[in-house]
Structure formats: C-alpha cells, structure tokens
Amino acid sequence: MEKVSCKECKQFFKLFILMIISVVALAGCYSHGRDGKFNSTGKQIEKSGASLEESDPYAPVEGKKYKITMVSEGGPYPEDADMVKYWNELFNVEIVFCKIDESNWDKELNTLFASGKIPDKITVKNPGSLYSYYVRGLICEIPEDVFKRRAPNYHRLYEEDVPGALIYGKIGGKLYGLPRFRAHANYRGPLITRKDWLDNVGYKVPDTLDELGKVLYSYTYNDPDGNDKNDTYGLSSSSLNAVYGSYGYIPEFWAERDGYLTYGAIQPEMKDALALLRKWYADGVIDPEFVTGENKGGYWALSHSFLNGQIGLTGHGNYYHWCVSRKYDYLGANPAEFEKINPELNDLLINLKPPTGPEGKHGTVQENIIMGSFLTMGKHLADQPDKMGKILQIFDYVYDSYEHYITARRGIEGLHWKRDEYGKAEKLFRGESNVIGAFTSIAECEPLKFWDTPYYKEFAEENGYDSGGIRDALLAPLPSMSMYWSELEKLREKTYLAIITGNRPLDYFDEFIGIWRASGGDVLTGEANKWHTGIKNVHIRR
C-alpha cells in the first residue's frame, strides 16, 4: 500500500477544516432566514441565541405565501379592510375569514364542517365542542413543544398569567386547544337599575331579594316612568341569574358542593328560585318577551329593553358595557346609547350588588380568567406542519410587545386610534374593529401586562364588581360531552322555561332531576369529578 506523506496529510486536513467552516456558515444563514423574528415594522431580524435545526418540519418555508383560512370572532371583515391588508403584507400571507354568525356559532360552524370545509384556525366556544370536534377528527394536535418553540411569547403568557392553564385544552394528555383567557374576568357581571325609577316608586336601593321583589312589583304597577301607561315590567332574562345566585347557584354552571362537582341546575335550592320566578311571571313582573332576550339586534351587549324603558332592572352584557367614567371621558356601549337619548340618564344609573337570598347567599355570573373557549387548528395541518408553524408565528408576533398587541386589537396608531391625555386609554376615531379588520380574533387572550384600561378598573372597583361573582367550576372537555351535553342543555332550558311560565307544575322539577341524571348527567358528573380530582393539586388561576 502506497504511503501518504505528512505534507499531503496537512493539505488534506486544511481542506477538510475549510469545508466544515463553509457548511456551518451556510447553515447559519439559512436557519436565521427561516426562523427570523419580526420587528415593529414587520421586517425580519436575526433571532438571538441558537437557531432551530434546518430539518424542523414546523419551520415556515422562507418566501412561501400561505393562504390561511380562519373562523374567528370579530368579523366578517370587508375584503379591503385596512388591517387585513396590513397583516397580509406584513407576513406575506393571504388570510381569508369564514363568515360565521356569532349568535348562531356552533350551528353555522357545523354547517361549514358538513360542507367539507375545515378552516386552518378555528375558535371553539366551549369545552363540549372541543371534545366533539376531537372525536369527529376535525382538529389536530398542537404539540406542546412546538407551541413553546414556535410561539415562545404566546406560551410565556400561560406561564406568567395562568400557570397550568394548558391542561384545560388537553385531551388524552395531548394539546388540542389553546385556552383563551381575559384580564377583565376579575369582575362579575352587571346588575343595573335607574335612580329616577326608584325615586318615583318611593324605594331605596335594595339589598335583599325580598327588597328587590318589592321594587320590581312597583316598577310593574306604579308607573315608574310617569307616563300614565301600564307599559313597564320589573325585569327580563338577563337578571334571572342574580335571582338564582341568591339561592347559591347558577343553573348552567358546575359548582363544588361538599368537595365534589355537581351541576347547578339540579340543586334543590333551584326549585325555590323557580317557585319565586314562577310567581313573578304569573304576576306580570317578568317581561313576557323575556324568552327572546333584551337585545333586539346590532351590538350584542345592548339591552334595548332597558334602554327603551321597558324594564327597570337589567344584567345584560359585561360590567364594562355599563361603564360611566367622567374622569376619563369614557362611556360603555349602553351609556353611549343613553347619551344619544338623554345624557342626563347616565347620571341616574345605579350599579346594584347581587341581592342576598333567604339563607344569606348572593352572586351572579362571573367569567373565569380561563374562558372555556379555545383556539384550535384544522385536522389537515397535521400534514402541513410548516403552515402550523406560520400560524403560530403570526400569533406569537401579537404578544411580542404592547405595540404589536394593541395594533392587533385597535389598528394603526394615528390612523385608527389615538391615546387620550392619560397616555393609555385607546379611542377609536376611524371605524370599529370589524370595519377596519383589527384582529381581535388573533389577539384573543388579554395579557395582564397589556391590559391598561384604567377607566374599566376604576369603575369596577368603585361599584363593587370585584365581589359577588359565581364562576363555573368546570372548564375542561369531558369524554362524553359530545354524546350528552347538547341534549342535556336543551332539557334544562326547556324545563326551566316551562316551570317559570306555568306550562309545567313546579313539582316537575323533581322529575327533571331524574331525567337529567338518566340522560347522561350521571355519566358527566362522574367524569367531571375524575377531572376535578386530578387538578386539585394544580394551582390554576381561574
């Protein structure tokens, strides 16, 4: 065998080292280009630290233009909406929004699925639907390590604001839904009446359920608006939860009782609540149109029944929809409507505390920090990991900084909104979010560090909205929800309505409990408690 000289060995070694250096340099350029991060202008900047390996299938392909379909709240958006064009250009994508009626969300979404169209990004409104879509094979897993790697800012929100919250979006230990959460859930729902009506019927602000009942009867029979007509009622649909809460439960919520989860609607105290509401309805205190609700169209949080002087008590919308802040010159959705009718009415609004019931209980609906709804991805993205990575990249950009977040929520500063003299409160002055195409549907979580609307916080705490809330104790999908939940909810709604309106005797409530349990309620209760036992030691801010 021919020997190789030392000189030839040295030359070969030098060439080998040069080849390695070249390959490493090329790989570094490639990975930085693929895994770039967007700055405030949308340009890519080099990612600090070690880059992802070139072989990562979830890395968006550089230069590829992705068409991304979304089912999201906040739309539909005009095709030429300012912010839709803004995001498409920023990320080199074509985002197409599926038009879904928010008031008929699940039905229209199922119609969309039935047509064979499964969007890339889907907002799921409740745990039952999440599990149903999983069973039907409509959504795919979002691997948690991929979520953390491809959307580190987004993932960090869960670690900082709601540690452990991802457990709510897991099925069989795998992540299928990113739970949505909101900062303003620190406060309960509203309960509003009018000082002029109270004065006209000669009552003070009611504290107990008994006192409230007397006020409501006077609103019905004693001409509170002074028009000499018998055209007013005490309350409608939205205030019923405050009545139920005075007996300790919200019917559609799960609650912990004696250490176990149980469904609110079947608690014996609810029979007493129904007996009272049944009497109020028979006596004409409840608006006979309560079945259709208080909103007659347009923005969902408006109580037209209250605004039009048809009822004297409302709990419609969220607390911030009734915000009156003279200091910050801000009006919520309902006071803004009153401003058009008569500006003086806003100084007459009274924010009531939930009335105390016969056993000292009180409360009304309060949202959880974790909303019980989820961001999911269509099943086909399991075979298109780079597209999933692109979607996660877009979401992550939103939570990279306050500037990015508020742009997603409000649009472009100076064009669509401006800051007030306090420097924080944003005011739209060119169109609403759904007109300009602001991505409230992308900025679906409300980070505590970005939530800087002082007029909401001040209003809520000055009016006692930080106490008296009742939250749902179950926010996770149960294995059998897809089989039973829809029919059980129909059964509850139908039964409660029939008892209140007198179409069923009060004692039918006892029969209802047996039907509910036999129709899948016992199965779900067992599954709920199995889940509840599993998270008892997981400290999650709800």
Protein backbone atom coordinates (compact mmCIF):
# COMPACT_ATOMS: atom_id res chain seq x y z
CA MET A 1 0.00 0.00 0.00
CA GLU A 2 1.39 3.39 -1.02
CA LYS A 3 2.29 5.67 1.88
CA VAL A 4 0.90 9.20 2.18
CA SER A 5 3.41 11.94 3.02
CA CYS A 6 3.00 14.30 6.05
CA LYS A 7 2.78 17.22 3.64
CA GLU A 8 -0.20 15.67 1.84
CA CYS A 9 -1.84 14.92 5.22
CA LYS A 10 -1.55 18.57 6.24
CA GLN A 11 -3.04 19.80 2.94
CA PHE A 12 -5.96 17.37 3.26
CA PHE A 13 -6.60 18.47 6.87
CA LYS A 14 -6.68 22.17 5.86
CA LEU A 15 -9.20 21.46 3.09
CA PHE A 16 -11.38 19.46 5.48
CA ILE A 17 -11.48 22.31 8.05
CA LEU A 18 -12.39 24.85 5.35
CA MET A 19 -15.25 22.64 4.18
CA ILE A 20 -16.66 22.40 7.73
CA ILE A 21 -16.48 26.18 8.22
CA SER A 22 -18.30 26.77 4.92
CA VAL A 23 -21.11 24.34 5.75
CA VAL A 24 -21.62 25.86 9.22
CA ALA A 25 -21.72 29.38 7.79
CA LEU A 26 -24.28 28.41 5.16
CA ALA A 27 -26.42 26.62 7.73
CA GLY A 28 -26.35 29.67 9.98
CA CYS A 29 -27.51 31.94 7.17
CA TYR A 30 -30.26 29.51 6.20
CA SER A 31 -31.60 28.98 9.69
CA HIS A 32 -31.61 32.69 10.52
CA GLY A 33 -33.55 33.37 7.35
CA ARG A 34 -36.13 30.68 8.07
CA ASP A 35 -36.57 31.39 11.75
CA GLY A 36 -36.41 35.15 11.63
CA LYS A 37 -38.40 37.29 14.05
CA PHE A 38 -40.41 40.33 13.02
CA ASN A 39 -39.66 43.76 14.42
CA SER A 40 -42.18 46.59 14.84
CA THR A 41 -42.05 47.38 11.14
CA GLY A 42 -42.61 43.79 10.09
CA LYS A 43 -39.06 43.26 8.81
CA GLN A 44 -37.20 40.13 9.79
CA ILE A 45 -34.39 40.40 12.29
CA GLU A 46 -31.89 37.76 13.34
CA LYS A 47 -33.04 35.54 16.19
CA SER A 48 -30.64 35.72 19.12
CA GLY A 49 -29.16 32.53 20.51
CA ALA A 50 -29.02 29.14 18.82
CA SER A 51 -31.20 28.76 15.72
CA LEU A 52 -33.54 25.87 15.11
CA GLU A 53 -32.23 22.97 13.12
CA GLU A 54 -32.79 23.21 9.41
CA SER A 55 -34.72 19.96 9.48
CA ASP A 56 -37.54 21.27 11.75
CA PRO A 57 -40.76 20.46 9.81
CA TYR A 58 -42.65 23.21 11.68
CA ALA A 59 -40.39 25.97 10.37
CA PRO A 60 -42.28 28.19 7.88
CA VAL A 61 -40.76 27.97 4.41
CA GLU A 62 -38.95 31.16 3.52
CA GLY A 63 -40.62 33.07 0.68
CA LYS A 64 -43.68 30.82 0.59
CA LYS A 65 -47.00 32.68 0.55
CA TYR A 66 -49.52 30.88 2.75
CA LYS A 67 -53.27 31.09 2.31
CA ILE A 68 -54.75 30.84 5.80
CA THR A 69 -58.46 30.39 6.48
CA MET A 70 -59.80 31.45 9.87
CA VAL A 71 -63.04 31.15 11.81
CA SER A 72 -62.77 33.90 14.37
CA GLU A 73 -64.79 36.36 16.39
CA GLY A 74 -64.95 39.97 15.34
CA GLY A 75 -65.74 39.56 11.65
CA PRO A 76 -66.82 39.46 8.99
CA TYR A 77 -64.31 41.92 7.64
CA PRO A 78 -64.53 43.81 4.35
CA GLU A 79 -62.18 42.40 1.74
CA ASP A 80 -60.40 45.75 1.51
CA ALA A 81 -60.21 46.30 5.28
CA ASP A 82 -57.13 48.28 6.26
CA MET A 83 -55.78 45.81 8.78
CA VAL A 84 -56.41 42.70 6.70
CA LYS A 85 -54.18 44.21 4.02
CA TYR A 86 -51.70 45.23 6.72
CA TRP A 87 -51.34 41.69 8.10
CA ASN A 88 -51.23 40.06 4.68
CA GLU A 89 -48.34 42.29 3.64
CA LEU A 90 -46.55 42.01 6.97
CA PHE A 91 -46.46 38.21 6.97
CA ASN A 92 -46.62 37.53 3.22
CA VAL A 93 -49.89 35.62 3.59
CA GLU A 94 -53.47 35.69 2.32
CA ILE A 95 -55.83 35.48 5.28
CA VAL A 96 -59.41 34.56 4.44
CA PHE A 97 -62.12 34.81 7.12
CA CYS A 98 -65.04 32.41 7.11
CA LYS A 99 -68.27 34.28 7.78
CA ILE A 100 -69.97 32.95 10.90
CA ASP A 101 -72.93 34.50 12.70
CA GLU A 102 -71.77 34.90 16.32
CA SER A 103 -75.30 34.43 17.67
CA ASN A 104 -75.52 31.00 16.00
CA TRP A 105 -71.89 29.97 16.24
CA ASP A 106 -71.94 26.20 16.77
CA LYS A 107 -74.72 25.54 14.27
CA GLU A 108 -73.08 27.53 11.48
CA LEU A 109 -69.68 26.04 12.24
CA ASN A 110 -71.13 22.54 11.96
CA THR A 111 -72.74 23.50 8.66
CA LEU A 112 -69.32 24.62 7.45
CA PHE A 113 -67.79 21.32 8.52
CA ALA A 114 -70.60 19.38 6.81
CA SER A 115 -69.72 21.08 3.53
CA GLY A 116 -66.25 19.61 3.79
CA LYS A 117 -64.59 22.95 4.55
CA ILE A 118 -62.36 22.78 7.60
CA PRO A 119 -60.59 26.11 8.26
CA ASP A 120 -56.96 26.29 9.32
CA LYS A 121 -57.71 28.21 12.51
CA ILE A 122 -60.96 27.66 14.43
CA THR A 123 -62.27 29.39 17.53
CA VAL A 124 -64.19 26.83 19.63
CA LYS A 125 -66.66 28.36 22.06
CA ASN A 126 -66.96 25.69 24.78
CA PRO A 127 -65.28 22.54 26.18
CA GLY A 128 -68.07 20.30 24.88
CA SER A 129 -67.48 21.39 21.30
CA LEU A 130 -63.73 20.93 21.68
CA TYR A 131 -64.19 17.30 22.63
CA SER A 132 -66.83 16.79 19.92
CA TYR A 133 -64.51 18.13 17.22
CA TYR A 134 -61.72 15.92 18.53
CA VAL A 135 -63.92 12.80 18.39
CA ARG A 136 -65.09 13.68 14.89
CA GLY A 137 -61.50 14.12 13.73
CA LEU A 138 -61.92 17.78 12.76
CA ILE A 139 -59.00 19.24 14.70
CA CYS A 140 -55.38 18.22 15.14
CA GLU A 141 -52.91 18.16 17.98
CA ILE A 142 -50.79 21.25 18.57
CA PRO A 143 -47.67 19.60 20.02
CA GLU A 144 -46.81 21.46 23.19
CA ASP A 145 -43.08 21.51 22.44
CA VAL A 146 -43.85 23.01 19.03
CA PHE A 147 -46.12 25.63 20.61
CA LYS A 148 -43.37 26.59 23.05
CA ARG A 149 -40.68 26.64 20.38
CA ARG A 150 -42.61 28.38 17.61
CA ALA A 151 -44.60 30.81 19.76
CA PRO A 152 -42.42 31.49 22.83
CA ASN A 153 -44.07 34.83 23.66
CA TYR A 154 -47.54 33.33 23.45
CA HIS A 155 -46.51 30.30 25.51
CA ARG A 156 -44.96 32.58 28.13
CA LEU A 157 -48.35 34.23 28.72
CA TYR A 158 -49.69 30.99 30.14
CA GLU A 159 -46.66 30.59 32.39
CA GLU A 160 -46.96 34.15 33.72
CA ASP A 161 -50.73 34.86 33.78
CA VAL A 162 -52.47 31.49 34.16
CA PRO A 163 -49.91 28.82 35.10
CA GLY A 164 -51.19 25.32 34.39
CA ALA A 165 -54.00 26.57 32.12
CA LEU A 166 -52.95 24.45 29.15
CA ILE A 167 -54.35 21.42 30.97
CA TYR A 168 -57.84 22.68 30.05
CA GLY A 169 -57.09 22.27 26.35
CA LYS A 170 -55.68 18.77 26.61
CA ILE A 171 -57.39 15.54 25.63
CA GLY A 172 -55.67 12.29 26.50
CA GLY A 173 -52.64 14.26 27.63
CA LYS A 174 -52.19 15.98 24.24
CA LEU A 175 -52.84 19.65 23.50
CA TYR A 176 -55.70 20.24 21.06
CA GLY A 177 -56.92 23.68 22.12
CA LEU A 178 -55.11 26.79 23.32
CA PRO A 179 -57.35 28.14 26.12
CA ARG A 180 -58.39 31.76 25.77
CA PHE A 181 -58.18 33.98 28.82
CA ARG A 182 -59.10 37.54 29.67
CA ALA A 183 -57.90 40.05 32.24
CA HIS A 184 -61.27 41.67 32.88
CA ALA A 185 -62.63 38.42 34.35
CA ASN A 186 -61.56 39.77 37.73
CA TYR A 187 -65.03 41.30 37.92
CA ARG A 188 -68.58 39.90 37.95
CA GLY A 189 -71.47 40.69 35.65
CA PRO A 190 -73.63 43.83 35.95
CA LEU A 191 -76.93 44.49 37.68
CA ILE A 192 -78.33 47.91 36.75
CA THR A 193 -81.37 49.98 37.66
CA ARG A 194 -82.36 53.67 37.47
CA LYS A 195 -82.41 56.16 40.35
CA ASP A 196 -85.31 58.13 38.88
CA TRP A 197 -87.45 54.97 38.75
CA LEU A 198 -86.52 54.10 42.33
CA ASP A 199 -87.38 57.62 43.46
CA ASN A 200 -90.68 57.61 41.58
CA VAL A 201 -91.87 54.43 43.30
CA GLY A 202 -90.55 55.51 46.69
CA TYR A 203 -87.92 52.83 47.39
CA LYS A 204 -84.26 52.89 48.41
CA VAL A 205 -81.56 50.78 46.78
CA PRO A 206 -82.49 47.13 47.51
CA ASP A 207 -80.02 44.86 49.31
CA THR A 208 -82.03 41.68 49.79
CA LEU A 209 -84.05 39.54 47.40
CA ASP A 210 -87.20 40.42 49.32
CA GLU A 211 -86.50 44.16 48.94
CA LEU A 212 -85.70 43.70 45.25
CA GLY A 213 -89.01 41.91 44.73
CA LYS A 214 -90.95 44.83 46.18
CA VAL A 215 -89.10 47.24 43.89
CA LEU A 216 -89.83 45.09 40.84
CA TYR A 217 -93.53 44.92 41.62
CA SER A 218 -93.59 48.71 41.91
CA TYR A 219 -91.78 49.03 38.57
CA THR A 220 -94.57 46.94 37.08
CA TYR A 221 -97.63 48.52 38.69
CA ASN A 222 -96.72 52.00 39.95
CA ASP A 223 -95.86 53.81 36.70
CA PRO A 224 -92.11 54.38 37.37
CA ASP A 225 -91.62 56.39 34.16
CA GLY A 226 -94.59 58.67 34.90
CA ASN A 227 -96.26 58.37 31.51
CA ASP A 228 -99.62 57.25 32.92
CA LYS A 229 -99.42 54.00 30.97
CA ASN A 230 -99.22 50.39 32.11
CA ASP A 231 -96.22 49.60 29.90
CA THR A 232 -93.32 48.70 32.20
CA TYR A 233 -92.00 45.49 33.77
CA GLY A 234 -89.60 44.71 36.56
CA LEU A 235 -87.07 42.58 34.74
CA SER A 236 -86.34 40.30 31.81
CA SER A 237 -83.97 37.43 31.02
CA SER A 238 -80.58 38.87 31.99
CA SER A 239 -81.41 39.48 35.66
CA LEU A 240 -82.54 35.92 36.35
CA ASN A 241 -79.01 34.79 37.22
CA ALA A 242 -78.90 37.26 40.12
CA VAL A 243 -82.06 35.61 41.46
CA TYR A 244 -80.62 32.12 41.06
CA GLY A 245 -77.39 33.34 42.65
CA SER A 246 -79.27 34.47 45.75
CA TYR A 247 -80.02 30.78 46.27
CA GLY A 248 -76.36 29.84 45.79
CA TYR A 249 -76.05 28.55 42.22
CA ILE A 250 -76.06 29.49 38.55
CA PRO A 251 -78.08 26.79 36.70
CA GLU A 252 -75.75 26.36 33.73
CA PHE A 253 -72.58 26.29 35.86
CA TRP A 254 -70.92 23.39 37.60
CA ALA A 255 -70.20 24.03 41.27
CA GLU A 256 -68.26 22.41 44.08
CA ARG A 257 -70.52 21.09 46.82
CA ASP A 258 -69.21 19.07 49.77
CA GLY A 259 -65.92 18.59 47.93
CA TYR A 260 -67.47 17.25 44.71
CA LEU A 261 -68.51 18.83 41.42
CA THR A 262 -72.23 18.95 40.77
CA TYR A 263 -74.40 20.66 38.18
CA GLY A 264 -76.11 23.85 39.34
CA ALA A 265 -79.45 23.25 37.61
CA ILE A 266 -80.27 20.15 39.65
CA GLN A 267 -79.61 21.59 43.11
CA PRO A 268 -82.69 21.56 45.40
CA GLU A 269 -82.30 25.32 46.01
CA MET A 270 -83.12 25.94 42.37
CA LYS A 271 -86.66 24.70 42.95
CA ASP A 272 -87.15 27.55 45.42
CA ALA A 273 -85.72 30.03 42.91
CA LEU A 274 -88.05 28.73 40.20
CA ALA A 275 -91.02 29.00 42.54
CA LEU A 276 -90.29 32.70 43.05
CA LEU A 277 -89.74 33.39 39.35
CA ARG A 278 -92.90 31.45 38.51
CA LYS A 279 -94.89 33.74 40.83
CA TRP A 280 -93.24 36.88 39.39
CA TYR A 281 -94.10 35.75 35.86
CA ALA A 282 -97.71 34.97 36.78
CA ASP A 283 -98.00 38.40 38.41
CA GLY A 284 -96.69 40.16 35.31
CA VAL A 285 -93.41 41.31 36.88
CA ILE A 286 -91.27 39.49 34.29
CA ASP A 287 -91.47 40.87 30.77
CA PRO A 288 -93.46 38.29 28.73
CA GLU A 289 -90.91 38.77 25.94
CA PHE A 290 -88.07 37.57 28.20
CA VAL A 291 -87.72 34.39 26.13
CA THR A 292 -86.36 36.39 23.18
CA GLY A 293 -83.93 38.35 25.34
CA GLU A 294 -83.27 42.05 25.77
CA ASN A 295 -81.14 42.67 22.71
CA LYS A 296 -83.12 43.38 19.54
CA GLY A 297 -80.24 43.45 17.08
CA GLY A 298 -76.95 45.20 16.48
CA TYR A 299 -74.21 45.07 19.09
CA TRP A 300 -74.94 42.09 21.34
CA ALA A 301 -74.28 43.84 24.67
CA LEU A 302 -77.01 46.45 24.25
CA SER A 303 -80.13 45.94 26.38
CA HIS A 304 -82.78 47.58 24.24
CA SER A 305 -85.47 46.57 26.73
CA PHE A 306 -83.75 48.66 29.40
CA LEU A 307 -82.68 51.49 27.10
CA ASN A 308 -86.25 51.84 25.83
CA GLY A 309 -87.72 51.98 29.33
CA GLN A 310 -89.49 48.63 29.03
CA ILE A 311 -87.84 47.09 32.13
CA GLY A 312 -86.32 48.60 35.25
CA LEU A 313 -83.60 46.03 36.02
CA THR A 314 -81.01 44.50 33.72
CA GLY A 315 -77.93 42.34 33.93
CA HIS A 316 -77.21 42.29 30.21
CA GLY A 317 -73.66 42.35 28.84
CA ASN A 318 -70.47 42.67 30.88
CA TYR A 319 -69.76 45.26 33.56
CA TYR A 320 -67.68 47.39 31.19
CA HIS A 321 -70.64 47.72 28.85
CA TRP A 322 -72.18 49.92 31.58
CA CYS A 323 -69.05 51.89 32.43
CA VAL A 324 -69.54 55.62 33.00
CA SER A 325 -66.22 57.34 33.63
CA ARG A 326 -66.38 61.13 33.68
CA LYS A 327 -62.75 61.32 34.72
CA TYR A 328 -61.59 59.53 31.58
CA ASP A 329 -64.46 60.78 29.41
CA TYR A 330 -65.44 57.21 28.58
CA LEU A 331 -68.85 55.59 28.16
CA GLY A 332 -69.57 51.88 27.72
CA ALA A 333 -71.87 50.61 24.98
CA ASN A 334 -75.15 51.13 26.85
CA PRO A 335 -74.38 54.55 28.37
CA ALA A 336 -73.23 55.64 24.91
CA GLU A 337 -76.76 54.87 23.66
CA PHE A 338 -78.31 56.72 26.60
CA GLU A 339 -76.13 59.70 25.69
CA LYS A 340 -77.97 59.87 22.37
CA ILE A 341 -81.39 59.68 24.06
CA ASN A 342 -80.76 61.91 27.06
CA PRO A 343 -77.26 62.48 28.50
CA GLU A 344 -78.71 63.05 31.98
CA LEU A 345 -79.82 59.42 32.18
CA ASN A 346 -76.24 58.23 32.64
CA ASP A 347 -76.05 60.07 35.96
CA LEU A 348 -79.12 58.14 37.10
CA LEU A 349 -77.75 54.63 36.53
CA ILE A 350 -77.27 52.60 39.73
CA ASN A 351 -74.93 49.61 39.86
CA LEU A 352 -76.56 47.18 42.27
CA LYS A 353 -74.87 44.41 44.20
CA PRO A 354 -76.44 40.95 43.77
CA PRO A 355 -79.31 40.64 46.29
CA THR A 356 -78.93 38.48 49.37
CA GLY A 357 -81.25 35.49 49.46
CA PRO A 358 -83.13 33.78 52.34
CA GLU A 359 -80.02 31.91 53.53
CA GLY A 360 -77.58 34.81 53.13
CA LYS A 361 -76.25 33.75 49.73
CA HIS A 362 -75.76 36.09 46.81
CA GLY A 363 -74.00 36.33 43.47
CA THR A 364 -74.29 36.49 39.73
CA VAL A 365 -72.26 35.30 36.76
CA GLN A 366 -68.54 35.99 36.71
CA GLU A 367 -66.34 34.78 33.90
CA ASN A 368 -63.28 32.72 34.65
CA ILE A 369 -59.84 34.03 33.77
CA ILE A 370 -59.88 30.97 31.52
CA MET A 371 -62.88 31.49 29.28
CA GLY A 372 -63.78 27.90 28.43
CA SER A 373 -63.19 28.57 24.73
CA PHE A 374 -60.19 27.61 22.64
CA LEU A 375 -58.06 28.31 19.62
CA THR A 376 -57.72 25.14 17.55
CA MET A 377 -56.35 24.09 14.18
CA GLY A 378 -57.96 22.04 11.41
CA LYS A 379 -57.04 18.36 11.12
CA HIS A 380 -55.23 18.83 7.80
CA LEU A 381 -52.49 20.89 9.46
CA ALA A 382 -51.13 17.69 10.96
CA ASP A 383 -49.86 17.04 7.43
CA GLN A 384 -48.80 20.67 6.88
CA PRO A 385 -46.53 21.36 9.86
CA ASP A 386 -44.83 24.34 8.21
CA LYS A 387 -48.23 26.02 7.85
CA MET A 388 -48.98 25.38 11.52
CA GLY A 389 -45.62 26.95 12.28
CA LYS A 390 -46.56 30.00 10.20
CA ILE A 391 -49.85 30.44 12.07
CA LEU A 392 -48.06 30.14 15.42
CA GLN A 393 -45.53 32.70 14.20
CA ILE A 394 -48.33 35.19 13.49
CA PHE A 395 -49.90 34.64 16.90
CA ASP A 396 -46.55 34.94 18.62
CA TYR A 397 -45.88 38.29 16.96
CA VAL A 398 -49.03 39.72 18.56
CA TYR A 399 -47.73 39.00 22.06
CA ASP A 400 -44.15 40.11 21.40
CA SER A 401 -44.82 43.64 22.68
CA TYR A 402 -47.58 46.01 23.73
CA GLU A 403 -47.27 47.85 20.41
CA HIS A 404 -47.92 44.67 18.45
CA TYR A 405 -50.80 43.66 20.71
CA ILE A 406 -52.60 46.98 20.55
CA THR A 407 -52.11 47.13 16.79
CA ALA A 408 -53.84 43.76 16.54
CA ARG A 409 -56.68 44.95 18.77
CA ARG A 410 -57.16 48.52 17.54
CA GLY A 411 -55.34 49.08 14.28
CA ILE A 412 -52.63 51.57 13.42
CA GLU A 413 -51.96 54.34 15.91
CA GLY A 414 -52.58 57.73 14.37
CA LEU A 415 -54.73 56.26 11.62
CA HIS A 416 -57.34 54.24 13.50
CA TRP A 417 -56.89 55.29 17.12
CA LYS A 418 -55.14 57.72 19.39
CA ARG A 419 -54.21 57.88 23.05
CA ASP A 420 -56.04 60.17 25.41
CA GLU A 421 -54.34 62.71 27.65
CA TYR A 422 -53.52 59.97 30.17
CA GLY A 423 -51.46 58.16 27.57
CA LYS A 424 -53.06 54.74 27.88
CA ALA A 425 -56.73 54.64 27.01
CA GLU A 426 -57.20 53.94 23.31
CA LYS A 427 -60.00 55.67 21.45
CA LEU A 428 -61.14 54.60 18.03
CA PHE A 429 -61.81 57.52 15.75
CA ARG A 430 -61.99 55.84 12.38
CA GLY A 431 -64.34 52.92 12.24
CA GLU A 432 -64.95 49.98 14.53
CA SER A 433 -62.74 46.91 14.77
CA ASN A 434 -64.85 44.82 12.40
CA VAL A 435 -64.79 47.61 9.80
CA ILE A 436 -61.04 48.19 9.72
CA GLY A 437 -60.31 44.49 10.21
CA ALA A 438 -58.47 44.75 13.52
CA PHE A 439 -57.54 41.23 14.58
CA THR A 440 -59.41 40.90 17.83
CA SER A 441 -59.68 37.33 16.61
CA ILE A 442 -55.92 36.91 16.77
CA ALA A 443 -55.34 38.83 19.99
CA GLU A 444 -57.82 36.53 21.71
CA CYS A 445 -56.05 36.48 25.06
CA GLU A 446 -55.79 39.58 27.23
CA PRO A 447 -52.34 39.63 28.86
CA LEU A 448 -52.40 41.22 32.30
CA LYS A 449 -49.33 43.29 31.46
CA PHE A 450 -51.05 44.78 28.39
CA TRP A 451 -54.44 45.40 29.94
CA ASP A 452 -54.20 49.10 30.67
CA THR A 453 -57.72 50.50 30.55
CA PRO A 454 -57.86 52.41 33.85
CA TYR A 455 -61.46 53.54 33.41
CA TYR A 456 -62.67 49.91 33.50
CA LYS A 457 -60.71 49.07 36.64
CA GLU A 458 -61.68 52.24 38.47
CA PHE A 459 -65.36 51.89 37.53
CA ALA A 460 -65.47 48.21 38.52
CA GLU A 461 -63.89 48.67 41.91
CA GLU A 462 -65.83 51.83 42.79
CA ASN A 463 -69.09 49.98 42.09
CA GLY A 464 -68.36 46.69 43.83
CA TYR A 465 -67.84 44.50 40.79
CA ASP A 466 -64.86 42.82 42.46
CA SER A 467 -67.19 40.83 44.74
CA GLY A 468 -70.36 38.77 44.40
CA GLY A 469 -69.32 36.68 41.40
CA ILE A 470 -70.08 32.99 40.82
CA ARG A 471 -67.81 31.12 38.41
CA ASP A 472 -68.17 27.85 36.55
CA ALA A 473 -66.08 25.17 38.27
CA LEU A 474 -65.71 23.05 35.10
CA LEU A 475 -63.74 24.35 32.14
CA ALA A 476 -62.41 21.17 30.60
CA PRO A 477 -63.82 18.93 27.86
CA LEU A 478 -65.26 15.69 29.23
CA PRO A 479 -65.01 12.43 27.27
CA SER A 480 -68.79 12.00 26.99
CA MET A 481 -69.78 15.62 26.42
CA SER A 482 -70.21 15.13 22.69
CA MET A 483 -72.76 12.38 23.37
CA TYR A 484 -74.87 14.05 26.04
CA TRP A 485 -74.22 17.75 26.61
CA SER A 486 -76.25 19.30 23.81
CA GLU A 487 -79.42 17.42 24.72
CA LEU A 488 -78.94 17.99 28.44
CA GLU A 489 -78.68 21.74 27.90
CA LYS A 490 -81.85 21.70 25.80
CA LEU A 491 -83.56 19.75 28.58
CA ARG A 492 -82.50 22.30 31.20
CA GLU A 493 -83.58 25.31 29.17
CA LYS A 494 -86.91 23.76 28.19
CA THR A 495 -87.69 22.67 31.76
CA TYR A 496 -86.82 25.96 33.43
CA LEU A 497 -88.80 27.91 30.85
CA ALA A 498 -91.83 25.64 31.22
CA ILE A 499 -91.84 25.92 35.01
CA ILE A 500 -91.41 29.71 35.04
CA THR A 501 -94.19 30.28 32.50
CA GLY A 502 -96.54 27.81 34.19
CA ASN A 503 -96.59 25.28 31.38
CA ARG A 504 -95.26 22.66 33.82
CA PRO A 505 -96.08 22.34 37.53
CA LEU A 506 -93.37 23.29 40.00
CA ASP A 507 -93.03 19.67 41.16
CA TYR A 508 -91.92 18.70 37.65
CA PHE A 509 -88.52 19.94 38.83
CA ASP A 510 -88.08 16.71 40.81
CA GLU A 511 -88.86 14.65 37.73
CA PHE A 512 -86.45 16.78 35.71
CA ILE A 513 -83.58 15.86 38.03
CA GLY A 514 -84.19 12.15 37.42
CA ILE A 515 -84.43 12.63 33.66
CA TRP A 516 -81.25 14.74 33.62
CA ARG A 517 -79.28 12.14 35.55
CA ALA A 518 -80.54 9.22 33.45
CA SER A 519 -79.93 11.07 30.16
CA GLY A 520 -76.16 11.27 30.66
CA GLY A 521 -75.95 13.65 33.60
CA ASP A 522 -74.62 10.98 35.94
CA VAL A 523 -72.00 9.97 33.38
CA LEU A 524 -70.80 13.55 33.01
CA THR A 525 -70.84 14.11 36.77
CA GLY A 526 -68.56 11.11 37.20
CA GLU A 527 -66.18 12.35 34.53
CA ALA A 528 -66.25 15.88 35.94
CA ASN A 529 -65.23 14.63 39.36
CA LYS A 530 -62.49 12.45 37.93
CA TRP A 531 -61.09 15.56 36.24
CA HIS A 532 -61.66 17.65 39.38
CA THR A 533 -59.71 15.16 41.50
CA GLY A 534 -56.86 15.24 39.01
CA ILE A 535 -56.38 19.01 39.15
CA LYS A 536 -56.97 19.60 42.86
CA ASN A 537 -53.24 19.97 43.41
CA VAL A 538 -52.70 22.04 40.28
CA HIS A 539 -52.90 25.70 41.27
CA ILE A 540 -54.58 27.38 38.32
CA ARG A 541 -55.80 30.96 38.42
CA ARG A 542 -59.36 30.67 37.14
